[in-house]
Amino acid sequence: ATEGAKLATAKGQADLADLKAGKPVTAQ
């Protein structure tokens, strides 16, 4: 749970940066 949360946050922050930059992101 702890490590999964860290990975989820890292992935989320990277996706957020891409979305704000107008880059495509695979998401549901």
mmCIF file of all heavy atoms, coordinates in Angstrom:
data_MODEL
# 
_entry.id   MODEL 
# 
loop_
_atom_site.group_PDB 
_atom_site.id 
_atom_site.type_symbol 
_atom_site.label_atom_id 
_atom_site.label_alt_id 
_atom_site.label_comp_id 
_atom_site.label_asym_id 
_atom_site.label_entity_id 
_atom_site.label_seq_id 
_atom_site.pdbx_PDB_ins_code 
_atom_site.Cartn_x 
_atom_site.Cartn_y 
_atom_site.Cartn_z 
_atom_site.occupancy 
_atom_site.B_iso_or_equiv 
_atom_site.pdbx_formal_charge 
_atom_site.auth_seq_id 
_atom_site.auth_comp_id 
_atom_site.auth_asym_id 
_atom_site.auth_atom_id 
_atom_site.pdbx_PDB_model_num 
ATOM 1   N N   . ALA A 1 1  ? 0.832   -1.205 0.000   1.00 0.00 ? 1  ALA A N   1 
ATOM 2   C CA  . ALA A 1 1  ? 0.000   0.000  0.000   1.00 0.00 ? 1  ALA A CA  1 
ATOM 3   C C   . ALA A 1 1  ? 0.867   1.256  0.000   1.00 0.00 ? 1  ALA A C   1 
ATOM 4   O O   . ALA A 1 1  ? 0.605   2.217  -0.737  1.00 0.00 ? 1  ALA A O   1 
ATOM 5   C CB  . ALA A 1 1  ? -0.920  -0.007 1.221   1.00 0.00 ? 1  ALA A CB  1 
ATOM 6   N N   . THR A 1 2  ? 1.926   1.255  0.833   1.00 0.00 ? 2  THR A N   1 
ATOM 7   C CA  . THR A 1 2  ? 2.786   2.432  0.929   1.00 0.00 ? 2  THR A CA  1 
ATOM 8   C C   . THR A 1 2  ? 3.532   2.685  -0.378  1.00 0.00 ? 2  THR A C   1 
ATOM 9   O O   . THR A 1 2  ? 3.554   3.808  -0.900  1.00 0.00 ? 2  THR A O   1 
ATOM 10  C CB  . THR A 1 2  ? 3.796   2.253  2.076   1.00 0.00 ? 2  THR A CB  1 
ATOM 11  O OG1 . THR A 1 2  ? 3.079   2.074  3.298   1.00 0.00 ? 2  THR A OG1 1 
ATOM 12  C CG2 . THR A 1 2  ? 4.699   3.462  2.197   1.00 0.00 ? 2  THR A CG2 1 
ATOM 13  N N   . GLU A 1 3  ? 4.165   1.631  -0.903  1.00 0.00 ? 3  GLU A N   1 
ATOM 14  C CA  . GLU A 1 3  ? 4.927   1.796  -2.131  1.00 0.00 ? 3  GLU A CA  1 
ATOM 15  C C   . GLU A 1 3  ? 4.002   2.051  -3.324  1.00 0.00 ? 3  GLU A C   1 
ATOM 16  O O   . GLU A 1 3  ? 4.329   2.820  -4.233  1.00 0.00 ? 3  GLU A O   1 
ATOM 17  C CB  . GLU A 1 3  ? 5.791   0.558  -2.383  1.00 0.00 ? 3  GLU A CB  1 
ATOM 18  C CG  . GLU A 1 3  ? 6.864   0.332  -1.329  1.00 0.00 ? 3  GLU A CG  1 
ATOM 19  C CD  . GLU A 1 3  ? 7.776   1.531  -1.171  1.00 0.00 ? 3  GLU A CD  1 
ATOM 20  O OE1 . GLU A 1 3  ? 8.222   2.088  -2.208  1.00 0.00 ? 3  GLU A OE1 1 
ATOM 21  O OE2 . GLU A 1 3  ? 8.049   1.930  -0.017  1.00 0.00 ? 3  GLU A OE2 1 
ATOM 22  N N   . GLY A 1 4  ? 2.825   1.410  -3.311  1.00 0.00 ? 4  GLY A N   1 
ATOM 23  C CA  . GLY A 1 4  ? 1.857   1.633  -4.378  1.00 0.00 ? 4  GLY A CA  1 
ATOM 24  C C   . GLY A 1 4  ? 1.382   3.068  -4.416  1.00 0.00 ? 4  GLY A C   1 
ATOM 25  O O   . GLY A 1 4  ? 1.188   3.660  -5.492  1.00 0.00 ? 4  GLY A O   1 
ATOM 26  N N   . ALA A 1 5  ? 1.195   3.659  -3.231  1.00 0.00 ? 5  ALA A N   1 
ATOM 27  C CA  . ALA A 1 5  ? 0.771   5.057  -3.154  1.00 0.00 ? 5  ALA A CA  1 
ATOM 28  C C   . ALA A 1 5  ? 1.860   5.973  -3.719  1.00 0.00 ? 5  ALA A C   1 
ATOM 29  O O   . ALA A 1 5  ? 1.564   6.959  -4.414  1.00 0.00 ? 5  ALA A O   1 
ATOM 30  C CB  . ALA A 1 5  ? 0.455   5.430  -1.710  1.00 0.00 ? 5  ALA A CB  1 
ATOM 31  N N   . LYS A 1 6  ? 3.121   5.658  -3.436  1.00 0.00 ? 6  LYS A N   1 
ATOM 32  C CA  . LYS A 1 6  ? 4.220   6.472  -3.967  1.00 0.00 ? 6  LYS A CA  1 
ATOM 33  C C   . LYS A 1 6  ? 4.254   6.398  -5.492  1.00 0.00 ? 6  LYS A C   1 
ATOM 34  O O   . LYS A 1 6  ? 4.432   7.416  -6.179  1.00 0.00 ? 6  LYS A O   1 
ATOM 35  C CB  . LYS A 1 6  ? 5.553   5.987  -3.395  1.00 0.00 ? 6  LYS A CB  1 
ATOM 36  C CG  . LYS A 1 6  ? 5.725   6.255  -1.913  1.00 0.00 ? 6  LYS A CG  1 
ATOM 37  C CD  . LYS A 1 6  ? 7.061   5.699  -1.429  1.00 0.00 ? 6  LYS A CD  1 
ATOM 38  C CE  . LYS A 1 6  ? 7.246   5.918  0.079   1.00 0.00 ? 6  LYS A CE  1 
ATOM 39  N NZ  . LYS A 1 6  ? 8.532   5.347  0.555   1.00 0.00 ? 6  LYS A NZ  1 
ATOM 40  N N   . LEU A 1 7  ? 4.052   5.188  -6.029  1.00 0.00 ? 7  LEU A N   1 
ATOM 41  C CA  . LEU A 1 7  ? 4.057   5.024  -7.476  1.00 0.00 ? 7  LEU A CA  1 
ATOM 42  C C   . LEU A 1 7  ? 2.863   5.725  -8.124  1.00 0.00 ? 7  LEU A C   1 
ATOM 43  O O   . LEU A 1 7  ? 2.987   6.325  -9.206  1.00 0.00 ? 7  LEU A O   1 
ATOM 44  C CB  . LEU A 1 7  ? 4.049   3.530  -7.830  1.00 0.00 ? 7  LEU A CB  1 
ATOM 45  C CG  . LEU A 1 7  ? 5.326   2.751  -7.465  1.00 0.00 ? 7  LEU A CG  1 
ATOM 46  C CD1 . LEU A 1 7  ? 5.113   1.253  -7.675  1.00 0.00 ? 7  LEU A CD1 1 
ATOM 47  C CD2 . LEU A 1 7  ? 6.515   3.249  -8.300  1.00 0.00 ? 7  LEU A CD2 1 
ATOM 48  N N   . ALA A 1 8  ? 1.701   5.651  -7.458  1.00 0.00 ? 8  ALA A N   1 
ATOM 49  C CA  . ALA A 1 8  ? 0.501   6.314  -7.982  1.00 0.00 ? 8  ALA A CA  1 
ATOM 50  C C   . ALA A 1 8  ? 0.700   7.822  -8.016  1.00 0.00 ? 8  ALA A C   1 
ATOM 51  O O   . ALA A 1 8  ? 0.319   8.498  -8.990  1.00 0.00 ? 8  ALA A O   1 
ATOM 52  C CB  . ALA A 1 8  ? -0.714  5.953  -7.120  1.00 0.00 ? 8  ALA A CB  1 
ATOM 53  N N   . THR A 1 9  ? 1.296   8.381  -6.956  1.00 0.00 ? 9  THR A N   1 
ATOM 54  C CA  . THR A 1 9  ? 1.541   9.820  -6.908  1.00 0.00 ? 9  THR A CA  1 
ATOM 55  C C   . THR A 1 9  ? 2.532   10.245 -7.988  1.00 0.00 ? 9  THR A C   1 
ATOM 56  O O   . THR A 1 9  ? 2.341   11.253 -8.677  1.00 0.00 ? 9  THR A O   1 
ATOM 57  C CB  . THR A 1 9  ? 2.073   10.223 -5.516  1.00 0.00 ? 9  THR A CB  1 
ATOM 58  O OG1 . THR A 1 9  ? 1.088   9.909  -4.536  1.00 0.00 ? 9  THR A OG1 1 
ATOM 59  C CG2 . THR A 1 9  ? 2.396   11.698 -5.466  1.00 0.00 ? 9  THR A CG2 1 
ATOM 60  N N   . ALA A 1 10 ? 3.622   9.469  -8.132  1.00 0.00 ? 10 ALA A N   1 
ATOM 61  C CA  . ALA A 1 10 ? 4.619   9.808  -9.144  1.00 0.00 ? 10 ALA A CA  1 
ATOM 62  C C   . ALA A 1 10 ? 4.012   9.780  -10.550 1.00 0.00 ? 10 ALA A C   1 
ATOM 63  O O   . ALA A 1 10 ? 4.244   10.689 -11.373 1.00 0.00 ? 10 ALA A O   1 
ATOM 64  C CB  . ALA A 1 10 ? 5.797   8.836  -9.061  1.00 0.00 ? 10 ALA A CB  1 
ATOM 65  N N   . LYS A 1 11 ? 3.234   8.742  -10.835 1.00 0.00 ? 11 LYS A N   1 
ATOM 66  C CA  . LYS A 1 11 ? 2.589   8.637  -12.137 1.00 0.00 ? 11 LYS A CA  1 
ATOM 67  C C   . LYS A 1 11 ? 1.578   9.765  -12.342 1.00 0.00 ? 11 LYS A C   1 
ATOM 68  O O   . LYS A 1 11 ? 1.501   10.377 -13.418 1.00 0.00 ? 11 LYS A O   1 
ATOM 69  C CB  . LYS A 1 11 ? 1.901   7.277  -12.246 1.00 0.00 ? 11 LYS A CB  1 
ATOM 70  C CG  . LYS A 1 11 ? 1.032   7.070  -13.483 1.00 0.00 ? 11 LYS A CG  1 
ATOM 71  C CD  . LYS A 1 11 ? 1.814   7.111  -14.764 1.00 0.00 ? 11 LYS A CD  1 
ATOM 72  C CE  . LYS A 1 11 ? 0.929   6.722  -15.951 1.00 0.00 ? 11 LYS A CE  1 
ATOM 73  N NZ  . LYS A 1 11 ? 1.593   6.962  -17.251 1.00 0.00 ? 11 LYS A NZ  1 
ATOM 74  N N   . GLY A 1 12 ? 0.802   10.064 -11.292 1.00 0.00 ? 12 GLY A N   1 
ATOM 75  C CA  . GLY A 1 12 ? -0.199  11.118 -11.390 1.00 0.00 ? 12 GLY A CA  1 
ATOM 76  C C   . GLY A 1 12 ? 0.424   12.478 -11.639 1.00 0.00 ? 12 GLY A C   1 
ATOM 77  O O   . GLY A 1 12 ? -0.073  13.262 -12.472 1.00 0.00 ? 12 GLY A O   1 
ATOM 78  N N   . GLN A 1 13 ? 1.493   12.783 -10.940 1.00 0.00 ? 13 GLN A N   1 
ATOM 79  C CA  . GLN A 1 13 ? 2.146   14.075 -11.123 1.00 0.00 ? 13 GLN A CA  1 
ATOM 80  C C   . GLN A 1 13 ? 2.753   14.190 -12.522 1.00 0.00 ? 13 GLN A C   1 
ATOM 81  O O   . GLN A 1 13 ? 2.714   15.266 -13.146 1.00 0.00 ? 13 GLN A O   1 
ATOM 82  C CB  . GLN A 1 13 ? 3.218   14.262 -10.059 1.00 0.00 ? 13 GLN A CB  1 
ATOM 83  C CG  . GLN A 1 13 ? 2.636   14.457 -8.659  1.00 0.00 ? 13 GLN A CG  1 
ATOM 84  C CD  . GLN A 1 13 ? 3.689   14.499 -7.572  1.00 0.00 ? 13 GLN A CD  1 
ATOM 85  O OE1 . GLN A 1 13 ? 4.815   14.022 -7.766  1.00 0.00 ? 13 GLN A OE1 1 
ATOM 86  N NE2 . GLN A 1 13 ? 3.338   15.047 -6.416  1.00 0.00 ? 13 GLN A NE2 1 
ATOM 87  N N   . ALA A 1 14 ? 3.314   13.081 -13.030 1.00 0.00 ? 14 ALA A N   1 
ATOM 88  C CA  . ALA A 1 14 ? 3.876   13.097 -14.394 1.00 0.00 ? 14 ALA A CA  1 
ATOM 89  C C   . ALA A 1 14 ? 2.766   13.300 -15.422 1.00 0.00 ? 14 ALA A C   1 
ATOM 90  O O   . ALA A 1 14 ? 2.910   14.097 -16.370 1.00 0.00 ? 14 ALA A O   1 
ATOM 91  C CB  . ALA A 1 14 ? 4.633   11.792 -14.658 1.00 0.00 ? 14 ALA A CB  1 
ATOM 92  N N   . ASP A 1 15 ? 1.642   12.583 -15.271 1.00 0.00 ? 15 ASP A N   1 
ATOM 93  C CA  . ASP A 1 15 ? 0.511   12.739 -16.196 1.00 0.00 ? 15 ASP A CA  1 
ATOM 94  C C   . ASP A 1 15 ? -0.051  14.155 -16.136 1.00 0.00 ? 15 ASP A C   1 
ATOM 95  O O   . ASP A 1 15 ? -0.419  14.731 -17.170 1.00 0.00 ? 15 ASP A O   1 
ATOM 96  C CB  . ASP A 1 15 ? -0.588  11.735 -15.858 1.00 0.00 ? 15 ASP A CB  1 
ATOM 97  C CG  . ASP A 1 15 ? -0.239  10.313 -16.286 1.00 0.00 ? 15 ASP A CG  1 
ATOM 98  O OD1 . ASP A 1 15 ? 0.774   10.143 -16.995 1.00 0.00 ? 15 ASP A OD1 1 
ATOM 99  O OD2 . ASP A 1 15 ? -0.965  9.380  -15.905 1.00 0.00 ? 15 ASP A OD2 1 
ATOM 100 N N   . LEU A 1 16 ? -0.144  14.716 -14.940 1.00 0.00 ? 16 LEU A N   1 
ATOM 101 C CA  . LEU A 1 16 ? -0.674  16.073 -14.788 1.00 0.00 ? 16 LEU A CA  1 
ATOM 102 C C   . LEU A 1 16 ? 0.207   17.074 -15.526 1.00 0.00 ? 16 LEU A C   1 
ATOM 103 O O   . LEU A 1 16 ? -0.303  17.976 -16.221 1.00 0.00 ? 16 LEU A O   1 
ATOM 104 C CB  . LEU A 1 16 ? -0.767  16.437 -13.298 1.00 0.00 ? 16 LEU A CB  1 
ATOM 105 C CG  . LEU A 1 16 ? -1.274  17.844 -12.983 1.00 0.00 ? 16 LEU A CG  1 
ATOM 106 C CD1 . LEU A 1 16 ? -2.712  18.023 -13.477 1.00 0.00 ? 16 LEU A CD1 1 
ATOM 107 C CD2 . LEU A 1 16 ? -1.211  18.114 -11.478 1.00 0.00 ? 16 LEU A CD2 1 
ATOM 108 N N   . ALA A 1 17 ? 1.526   16.915 -15.397 1.00 0.00 ? 17 ALA A N   1 
ATOM 109 C CA  . ALA A 1 17 ? 2.445   17.815 -16.097 1.00 0.00 ? 17 ALA A CA  1 
ATOM 110 C C   . ALA A 1 17 ? 2.284   17.694 -17.608 1.00 0.00 ? 17 ALA A C   1 
ATOM 111 O O   . ALA A 1 17 ? 2.276   18.711 -18.343 1.00 0.00 ? 17 ALA A O   1 
ATOM 112 C CB  . ALA A 1 17 ? 3.886   17.512 -15.681 1.00 0.00 ? 17 ALA A CB  1 
ATOM 113 N N   . ASP A 1 18 ? 2.124   16.467 -18.100 1.00 0.00 ? 18 ASP A N   1 
ATOM 114 C CA  . ASP A 1 18 ? 1.939   16.264 -19.548 1.00 0.00 ? 18 ASP A CA  1 
ATOM 115 C C   . ASP A 1 18 ? 0.631   16.886 -20.027 1.00 0.00 ? 18 ASP A C   1 
ATOM 116 O O   . ASP A 1 18 ? 0.584   17.517 -21.093 1.00 0.00 ? 18 ASP A O   1 
ATOM 117 C CB  . ASP A 1 18 ? 1.962   14.765 -19.873 1.00 0.00 ? 18 ASP A CB  1 
ATOM 118 C CG  . ASP A 1 18 ? 3.370   14.171 -19.791 1.00 0.00 ? 18 ASP A CG  1 
ATOM 119 O OD1 . ASP A 1 18 ? 4.335   14.952 -19.783 1.00 0.00 ? 18 ASP A OD1 1 
ATOM 120 O OD2 . ASP A 1 18 ? 3.473   12.923 -19.713 1.00 0.00 ? 18 ASP A OD2 1 
ATOM 121 N N   . LEU A 1 19 ? -0.435  16.696 -19.264 1.00 0.00 ? 19 LEU A N   1 
ATOM 122 C CA  . LEU A 1 19 ? -1.741  17.247 -19.660 1.00 0.00 ? 19 LEU A CA  1 
ATOM 123 C C   . LEU A 1 19 ? -1.699  18.767 -19.712 1.00 0.00 ? 19 LEU A C   1 
ATOM 124 O O   . LEU A 1 19 ? -2.241  19.386 -20.638 1.00 0.00 ? 19 LEU A O   1 
ATOM 125 C CB  . LEU A 1 19 ? -2.820  16.774 -18.671 1.00 0.00 ? 19 LEU A CB  1 
ATOM 126 C CG  . LEU A 1 19 ? -3.204  15.295 -18.754 1.00 0.00 ? 19 LEU A CG  1 
ATOM 127 C CD1 . LEU A 1 19 ? -4.035  14.889 -17.536 1.00 0.00 ? 19 LEU A CD1 1 
ATOM 128 C CD2 . LEU A 1 19 ? -3.982  15.017 -20.046 1.00 0.00 ? 19 LEU A CD2 1 
ATOM 129 N N   . LYS A 1 20 ? -1.056  19.379 -18.735 1.00 0.00 ? 20 LYS A N   1 
ATOM 130 C CA  . LYS A 1 20 ? -0.961  20.844 -18.729 1.00 0.00 ? 20 LYS A CA  1 
ATOM 131 C C   . LYS A 1 20 ? -0.114  21.349 -19.896 1.00 0.00 ? 20 LYS A C   1 
ATOM 132 O O   . LYS A 1 20 ? -0.319  22.464 -20.385 1.00 0.00 ? 20 LYS A O   1 
ATOM 133 C CB  . LYS A 1 20 ? -0.363  21.311 -17.405 1.00 0.00 ? 20 LYS A CB  1 
ATOM 134 C CG  . LYS A 1 20 ? -1.316  21.202 -16.222 1.00 0.00 ? 20 LYS A CG  1 
ATOM 135 C CD  . LYS A 1 20 ? -0.686  21.767 -14.948 1.00 0.00 ? 20 LYS A CD  1 
ATOM 136 C CE  . LYS A 1 20 ? -1.687  21.778 -13.799 1.00 0.00 ? 20 LYS A CE  1 
ATOM 137 N NZ  . LYS A 1 20 ? -1.111  22.350 -12.553 1.00 0.00 ? 20 LYS A NZ  1 
ATOM 138 N N   . ALA A 1 21 ? 0.850   20.491 -20.331 1.00 0.00 ? 21 ALA A N   1 
ATOM 139 C CA  . ALA A 1 21 ? 1.702   20.869 -21.464 1.00 0.00 ? 21 ALA A CA  1 
ATOM 140 C C   . ALA A 1 21 ? 1.063   20.535 -22.808 1.00 0.00 ? 21 ALA A C   1 
ATOM 141 O O   . ALA A 1 21 ? 1.646   20.794 -23.868 1.00 0.00 ? 21 ALA A O   1 
ATOM 142 C CB  . ALA A 1 21 ? 3.057   20.167 -21.345 1.00 0.00 ? 21 ALA A CB  1 
ATOM 143 N N   . GLY A 1 22 ? -0.126  19.947 -22.775 1.00 0.00 ? 22 GLY A N   1 
ATOM 144 C CA  . GLY A 1 22 ? -0.825  19.612 -24.014 1.00 0.00 ? 22 GLY A CA  1 
ATOM 145 C C   . GLY A 1 22 ? -0.413  18.306 -24.621 1.00 0.00 ? 22 GLY A C   1 
ATOM 146 O O   . GLY A 1 22 ? -0.753  18.008 -25.778 1.00 0.00 ? 22 GLY A O   1 
ATOM 147 N N   . LYS A 1 23 ? 0.305   17.484 -23.872 1.00 0.00 ? 23 LYS A N   1 
ATOM 148 C CA  . LYS A 1 23 ? 0.752   16.202 -24.386 1.00 0.00 ? 23 LYS A CA  1 
ATOM 149 C C   . LYS A 1 23 ? -0.318  15.134 -24.166 1.00 0.00 ? 23 LYS A C   1 
ATOM 150 O O   . LYS A 1 23 ? -1.057  15.197 -23.183 1.00 0.00 ? 23 LYS A O   1 
ATOM 151 C CB  . LYS A 1 23 ? 2.054   15.788 -23.698 1.00 0.00 ? 23 LYS A CB  1 
ATOM 152 C CG  . LYS A 1 23 ? 3.218   16.735 -23.942 1.00 0.00 ? 23 LYS A CG  1 
ATOM 153 C CD  . LYS A 1 23 ? 4.461   16.267 -23.201 1.00 0.00 ? 23 LYS A CD  1 
ATOM 154 C CE  . LYS A 1 23 ? 5.636   17.219 -23.432 1.00 0.00 ? 23 LYS A CE  1 
ATOM 155 N NZ  . LYS A 1 23 ? 6.860   16.780 -22.700 1.00 0.00 ? 23 LYS A NZ  1 
ATOM 156 N N   . PRO A 1 24 ? -0.401  14.135 -25.045 1.00 0.00 ? 24 PRO A N   1 
ATOM 157 C CA  . PRO A 1 24 ? -1.410  13.073 -24.876 1.00 0.00 ? 24 PRO A CA  1 
ATOM 158 C C   . PRO A 1 24 ? -1.045  12.148 -23.708 1.00 0.00 ? 24 PRO A C   1 
ATOM 159 O O   . PRO A 1 24 ? 0.129   11.854 -23.469 1.00 0.00 ? 24 PRO A O   1 
ATOM 160 C CB  . PRO A 1 24 ? -1.355  12.321 -26.208 1.00 0.00 ? 24 PRO A CB  1 
ATOM 161 C CG  . PRO A 1 24 ? 0.023   12.578 -26.733 1.00 0.00 ? 24 PRO A CG  1 
ATOM 162 C CD  . PRO A 1 24 ? 0.397   13.967 -26.285 1.00 0.00 ? 24 PRO A CD  1 
ATOM 163 N N   . VAL A 1 25 ? -2.087  11.700 -23.010 1.00 0.00 ? 25 VAL A N   1 
ATOM 164 C CA  . VAL A 1 25 ? -1.926  10.807 -21.866 1.00 0.00 ? 25 VAL A CA  1 
ATOM 165 C C   . VAL A 1 25 ? -2.971  9.696  -21.979 1.00 0.00 ? 25 VAL A C   1 
ATOM 166 O O   . VAL A 1 25 ? -4.151  9.975  -22.245 1.00 0.00 ? 25 VAL A O   1 
ATOM 167 C CB  . VAL A 1 25 ? -2.098  11.556 -20.527 1.00 0.00 ? 25 VAL A CB  1 
ATOM 168 C CG1 . VAL A 1 25 ? -2.193  10.558 -19.371 1.00 0.00 ? 25 VAL A CG1 1 
ATOM 169 C CG2 . VAL A 1 25 ? -0.934  12.502 -20.300 1.00 0.00 ? 25 VAL A CG2 1 
ATOM 170 N N   . THR A 1 26 ? -2.526  8.454  -21.783 1.00 0.00 ? 26 THR A N   1 
ATOM 171 C CA  . THR A 1 26 ? -3.481  7.340  -21.781 1.00 0.00 ? 26 THR A CA  1 
ATOM 172 C C   . THR A 1 26 ? -4.191  7.322  -20.434 1.00 0.00 ? 26 THR A C   1 
ATOM 173 O O   . THR A 1 26 ? -3.560  7.157  -19.379 1.00 0.00 ? 26 THR A O   1 
ATOM 174 C CB  . THR A 1 26 ? -2.757  6.002  -22.000 1.00 0.00 ? 26 THR A CB  1 
ATOM 175 O OG1 . THR A 1 26 ? -2.055  6.056  -23.256 1.00 0.00 ? 26 THR A OG1 1 
ATOM 176 C CG2 . THR A 1 26 ? -3.759  4.855  -22.010 1.00 0.00 ? 26 THR A CG2 1 
ATOM 177 N N   . ALA A 1 27 ? -5.486  7.532  -20.475 1.00 0.00 ? 27 ALA A N   1 
ATOM 178 C CA  . ALA A 1 27 ? -6.212  7.649  -19.207 1.00 0.00 ? 27 ALA A CA  1 
ATOM 179 C C   . ALA A 1 27 ? -7.659  7.222  -19.386 1.00 0.00 ? 27 ALA A C   1 
ATOM 180 O O   . ALA A 1 27 ? -8.209  7.269  -20.495 1.00 0.00 ? 27 ALA A O   1 
ATOM 181 C CB  . ALA A 1 27 ? -6.167  9.088  -18.700 1.00 0.00 ? 27 ALA A CB  1 
ATOM 182 N N   . GLN A 1 28 ? -8.270  6.818  -18.289 1.00 0.00 ? 28 GLN A N   1 
ATOM 183 C CA  . GLN A 1 28 ? -9.704  6.513  -18.250 1.00 0.00 ? 28 GLN A CA  1 
ATOM 184 C C   . GLN A 1 28 ? -10.391 7.594  -17.422 1.00 0.00 ? 28 GLN A C   1 
ATOM 185 O O   . GLN A 1 28 ? -10.226 7.659  -16.204 1.00 0.00 ? 28 GLN A O   1 
ATOM 186 C CB  . GLN A 1 28 ? -9.939  5.127  -17.630 1.00 0.00 ? 28 GLN A CB  1 
ATOM 187 C CG  . GLN A 1 28 ? -9.473  3.971  -18.504 1.00 0.00 ? 28 GLN A CG  1 
ATOM 188 C CD  . GLN A 1 28 ? -9.847  2.626  -17.914 1.00 0.00 ? 28 GLN A CD  1 
ATOM 189 O OE1 . GLN A 1 28 ? -10.053 2.501  -16.714 1.00 0.00 ? 28 GLN A OE1 1 
ATOM 190 N NE2 . GLN A 1 28 ? -9.920  1.606  -18.759 1.00 0.00 ? 28 GLN A NE2 1 
# 
